[in-house]
C-alpha atoms as a PDB file:
ATOM      1  CA  MET A   1    -247.332  67.240 -65.174  1.00  0.00           C
ATOM      2  CA  GLY A   2    -246.748  66.473 -69.014  1.00  0.00           C
ATOM      3  CA  THR A   3    -250.302  67.289 -69.781  1.00  0.00           C
ATOM      4  CA  LEU A   4    -249.426  69.491 -72.527  1.00  0.00           C
ATOM      5  CA  SER A   5    -248.295  68.688 -76.007  1.00  0.00           C
ATOM      6  CA  LYS A   6    -245.226  69.628 -77.579  1.00  0.00           C
ATOM      7  CA  ARG A   7    -246.962  71.698 -79.549  1.00  0.00           C
ATOM      8  CA  GLU A   8    -247.844  73.277 -76.894  1.00  0.00           C
ATOM      9  CA  LEU A   9    -244.888  73.816 -74.657  1.00  0.00           C
ATOM     10  CA  ALA A  10    -243.057  74.793 -78.116  1.00  0.00           C
ATOM     11  CA  ALA A  11    -246.065  77.620 -78.190  1.00  0.00           C
ATOM     12  CA  LEU A  12    -244.921  78.539 -74.642  1.00  0.00           C
ATOM     13  CA  VAL A  13    -241.394  78.664 -75.055  1.00  0.00           C
ATOM     14  CA  ASP A  14    -241.850  80.820 -78.558  1.00  0.00           C
ATOM     15  CA  GLU A  15    -244.454  82.979 -76.356  1.00  0.00           C
ATOM     16  CA  ALA A  16    -241.417  83.638 -73.978  1.00  0.00           C
ATOM     17  CA  THR A  17    -238.500  83.993 -76.257  1.00  0.00           C
ATOM     18  CA  VAL A  18    -240.000  85.672 -79.407  1.00  0.00           C
ATOM     19  CA  ASP A  19    -237.992  88.991 -79.091  1.00  0.00           C
ATOM     20  CA  THR A  20    -234.572  86.686 -77.872  1.00  0.00           C
ATOM     21  CA  TYR A  21    -231.328  87.027 -80.311  1.00  0.00           C
ATOM     22  CA  ASP A  22    -229.271  84.922 -78.473  1.00  0.00           C
ATOM     23  CA  GLU A  23    -229.338  81.833 -75.658  1.00  0.00           C
ATOM     24  CA  TYR A  24    -228.575  84.093 -73.010  1.00  0.00           C
ATOM     25  CA  GLU A  25    -231.641  86.282 -74.301  1.00  0.00           C
ATOM     26  CA  GLN A  26    -233.754  82.978 -74.203  1.00  0.00           C
ATOM     27  CA  MET A  27    -232.653  82.075 -70.675  1.00  0.00           C
ATOM     28  CA  THR A  28    -233.635  84.792 -69.462  1.00  0.00           C
ATOM     29  CA  ALA A  29    -236.805  85.606 -71.214  1.00  0.00           C
ATOM     30  CA  LEU A  30    -237.751  81.740 -69.787  1.00  0.00           C
ATOM     31  CA  PHE A  31    -236.720  82.753 -66.460  1.00  0.00           C
ATOM     32  CA  THR A  32    -238.946  85.994 -66.182  1.00  0.00           C
ATOM     33  CA  ALA A  33    -242.108  83.755 -67.696  1.00  0.00           C
ATOM     34  CA  VAL A  34    -241.482  81.303 -65.096  1.00  0.00           C
ATOM     35  CA  GLU A  35    -240.926  83.753 -61.989  1.00  0.00           C
ATOM     36  CA  GLU A  36    -243.768  85.406 -63.104  1.00  0.00           C
ATOM     37  CA  ASN A  37    -246.206  83.059 -63.442  1.00  0.00           C
ATOM     38  CA  LEU A  38    -245.228  80.031 -60.847  1.00  0.00           C
ATOM     39  CA  ALA A  39    -247.538  80.098 -57.808  1.00  0.00           C
ATOM     40  CA  VAL A  40    -245.017  80.602 -55.066  1.00  0.00           C
ATOM     41  CA  PRO A  41    -244.532  79.256 -52.034  1.00  0.00           C
ATOM     42  CA  PHE A  42    -245.669  75.613 -52.772  1.00  0.00           C
ATOM     43  CA  SER A  43    -244.249  72.002 -51.174  1.00  0.00           C
ATOM     44  CA  THR A  44    -242.864  69.102 -52.684  1.00  0.00           C
ATOM     45  CA  VAL A  45    -240.820  66.309 -51.881  1.00  0.00           C
ATOM     46  CA  VAL A  46    -236.604  66.057 -52.822  1.00  0.00           C
ATOM     47  CA  LEU A  47    -235.142  62.654 -51.788  1.00  0.00           C
ATOM     48  CA  GLY A  48    -238.279  61.665 -49.309  1.00  0.00           C
ATOM     49  CA  VAL A  49    -237.693  65.136 -47.680  1.00  0.00           C
ATOM     50  CA  GLU A  50    -240.997  67.978 -47.566  1.00  0.00           C
ATOM     51  CA  VAL A  51    -239.594  71.201 -48.300  1.00  0.00           C
ATOM     52  CA  THR A  52    -240.977  74.715 -49.509  1.00  0.00           C
ATOM     53  CA  VAL A  53    -240.284  76.537 -53.011  1.00  0.00           C
ATOM     54  CA  ARG A  54    -240.562  80.148 -52.041  1.00  0.00           C
ATOM     55  CA  GLY A  55    -239.115  81.107 -55.171  1.00  0.00           C
ATOM     56  CA  VAL A  56    -236.591  80.834 -58.270  1.00  0.00           C
ATOM     57  CA  ASP A  57    -233.533  82.509 -59.196  1.00  0.00           C
ATOM     58  CA  LEU A  58    -231.107  82.720 -62.550  1.00  0.00           C
ATOM     59  CA  SER A  59    -228.216  80.668 -61.171  1.00  0.00           C
ATOM     60  CA  ARG A  60    -224.004  82.535 -62.134  1.00  0.00           C
ATOM     61  CA  ASP A  61    -223.930  79.551 -64.642  1.00  0.00           C
ATOM     62  CA  GLY A  62    -227.086  80.114 -66.333  1.00  0.00           C
ATOM     63  CA  ARG A  63    -229.777  77.469 -65.039  1.00  0.00           C
ATOM     64  CA  ILE A  64    -233.086  78.192 -63.339  1.00  0.00           C
ATOM     65  CA  VAL A  65    -233.009  77.040 -59.640  1.00  0.00           C
ATOM     66  CA  ALA A  66    -235.831  76.792 -57.197  1.00  0.00           C
ATOM     67  CA  ARG A  67    -234.879  78.315 -53.831  1.00  0.00           C
ATOM     68  CA  CYS A  68    -236.351  75.408 -51.166  1.00  0.00           C
ATOM     69  CA  THR A  69    -236.064  75.730 -47.452  1.00  0.00           C
ATOM     70  CA  ARG A  70    -236.880  73.440 -44.740  1.00  0.00           C
ATOM     71  CA  GLU A  71    -236.582  74.122 -40.921  1.00  0.00           C
ATOM     72  CA  GLY A  72    -234.434  77.499 -41.356  1.00  0.00           C
ATOM     73  CA  PHE A  73    -232.151  75.560 -44.027  1.00  0.00           C
ATOM     74  CA  ARG A  74    -231.956  77.008 -47.638  1.00  0.00           C
ATOM     75  CA  GLN A  75    -230.740  75.352 -51.053  1.00  0.00           C
ATOM     76  CA  THR A  76    -231.362  75.700 -54.594  1.00  0.00           C
ATOM     77  CA  ILE A  77    -232.057  72.810 -56.578  1.00  0.00           C
ATOM     78  CA  GLY A  78    -232.167  72.927 -60.310  1.00  0.00           C
ATOM     79  CA  LEU A  79    -235.727  73.645 -62.184  1.00  0.00           C
ATOM     80  CA  LEU A  80    -234.585  70.362 -64.418  1.00  0.00           C
ATOM     81  CA  ASP A  81    -234.353  68.127 -61.112  1.00  0.00           C
ATOM     82  CA  LEU A  82    -237.149  69.611 -59.076  1.00  0.00           C
ATOM     83  CA  PRO A  83    -240.026  67.112 -58.507  1.00  0.00           C
ATOM     84  CA  LEU A  84    -243.223  69.082 -58.861  1.00  0.00           C
ATOM     85  CA  PRO A  85    -246.227  68.424 -56.586  1.00  0.00           C
ATOM     86  CA  ASP A  86    -249.294  66.854 -57.554  1.00  0.00           C
ATOM     87  CA  PRO A  87    -251.511  68.771 -58.042  1.00  0.00           C
ATOM     88  CA  ALA A  88    -248.966  71.099 -59.603  1.00  0.00           C
ATOM     89  CA  PRO A  89    -248.945  74.768 -58.547  1.00  0.00           C
ATOM     90  CA  ASP A  90    -250.618  77.365 -60.919  1.00  0.00           C
ATOM     91  CA  GLY A  91    -247.637  78.439 -63.256  1.00  0.00           C
ATOM     92  CA  ALA A  92    -246.423  75.019 -63.460  1.00  0.00           C
ATOM     93  CA  GLU A  93    -247.001  74.717 -67.469  1.00  0.00           C
ATOM     94  CA  TRP A  94    -243.673  77.105 -67.273  1.00  0.00           C
ATOM     95  CA  VAL A  95    -241.838  74.613 -65.375  1.00  0.00           C
ATOM     96  CA  GLU A  96    -242.465  72.320 -68.031  1.00  0.00           C
ATOM     97  CA  ALA A  97    -242.027  74.867 -70.950  1.00  0.00           C
ATOM     98  CA  TYR A  98    -238.497  75.284 -69.567  1.00  0.00           C
ATOM     99  CA  ARG A  99    -237.815  71.319 -69.223  1.00  0.00           C
ATOM    100  CA  TYR A 100    -238.953  71.307 -72.870  1.00  0.00           C
ATOM    101  CA  TYR A 101    -236.848  73.843 -74.002  1.00  0.00           C
ATOM    102  CA  TRP A 102    -233.546  72.157 -72.398  1.00  0.00           C
ATOM    103  CA  ALA A 103    -234.628  68.831 -74.270  1.00  0.00           C
ATOM    104  CA  GLN A 104    -234.309  70.170 -77.705  1.00  0.00           C
END
């Protein structure tokens, strides 16, 4: 990842959050953009172990998390911490936009 400029990332964030009024609505809008556009399932490596990302959720504390599975086990991993594979799945630009939003 990292192929989009700051201007392009800001445009994605603006696109997702155009009609929002507060941080909660912004997070919900970004979650919706990720959920609707990120092509799942896909495989990635977390701590040296291959996992399958099955989808995303909005956690109770307002973070976007990836729903990961491996051999019958399930674990959520914060989207900010999730390594994306190379090549990245379709819609990964929204993960990058979410990360950009939090870095500001």
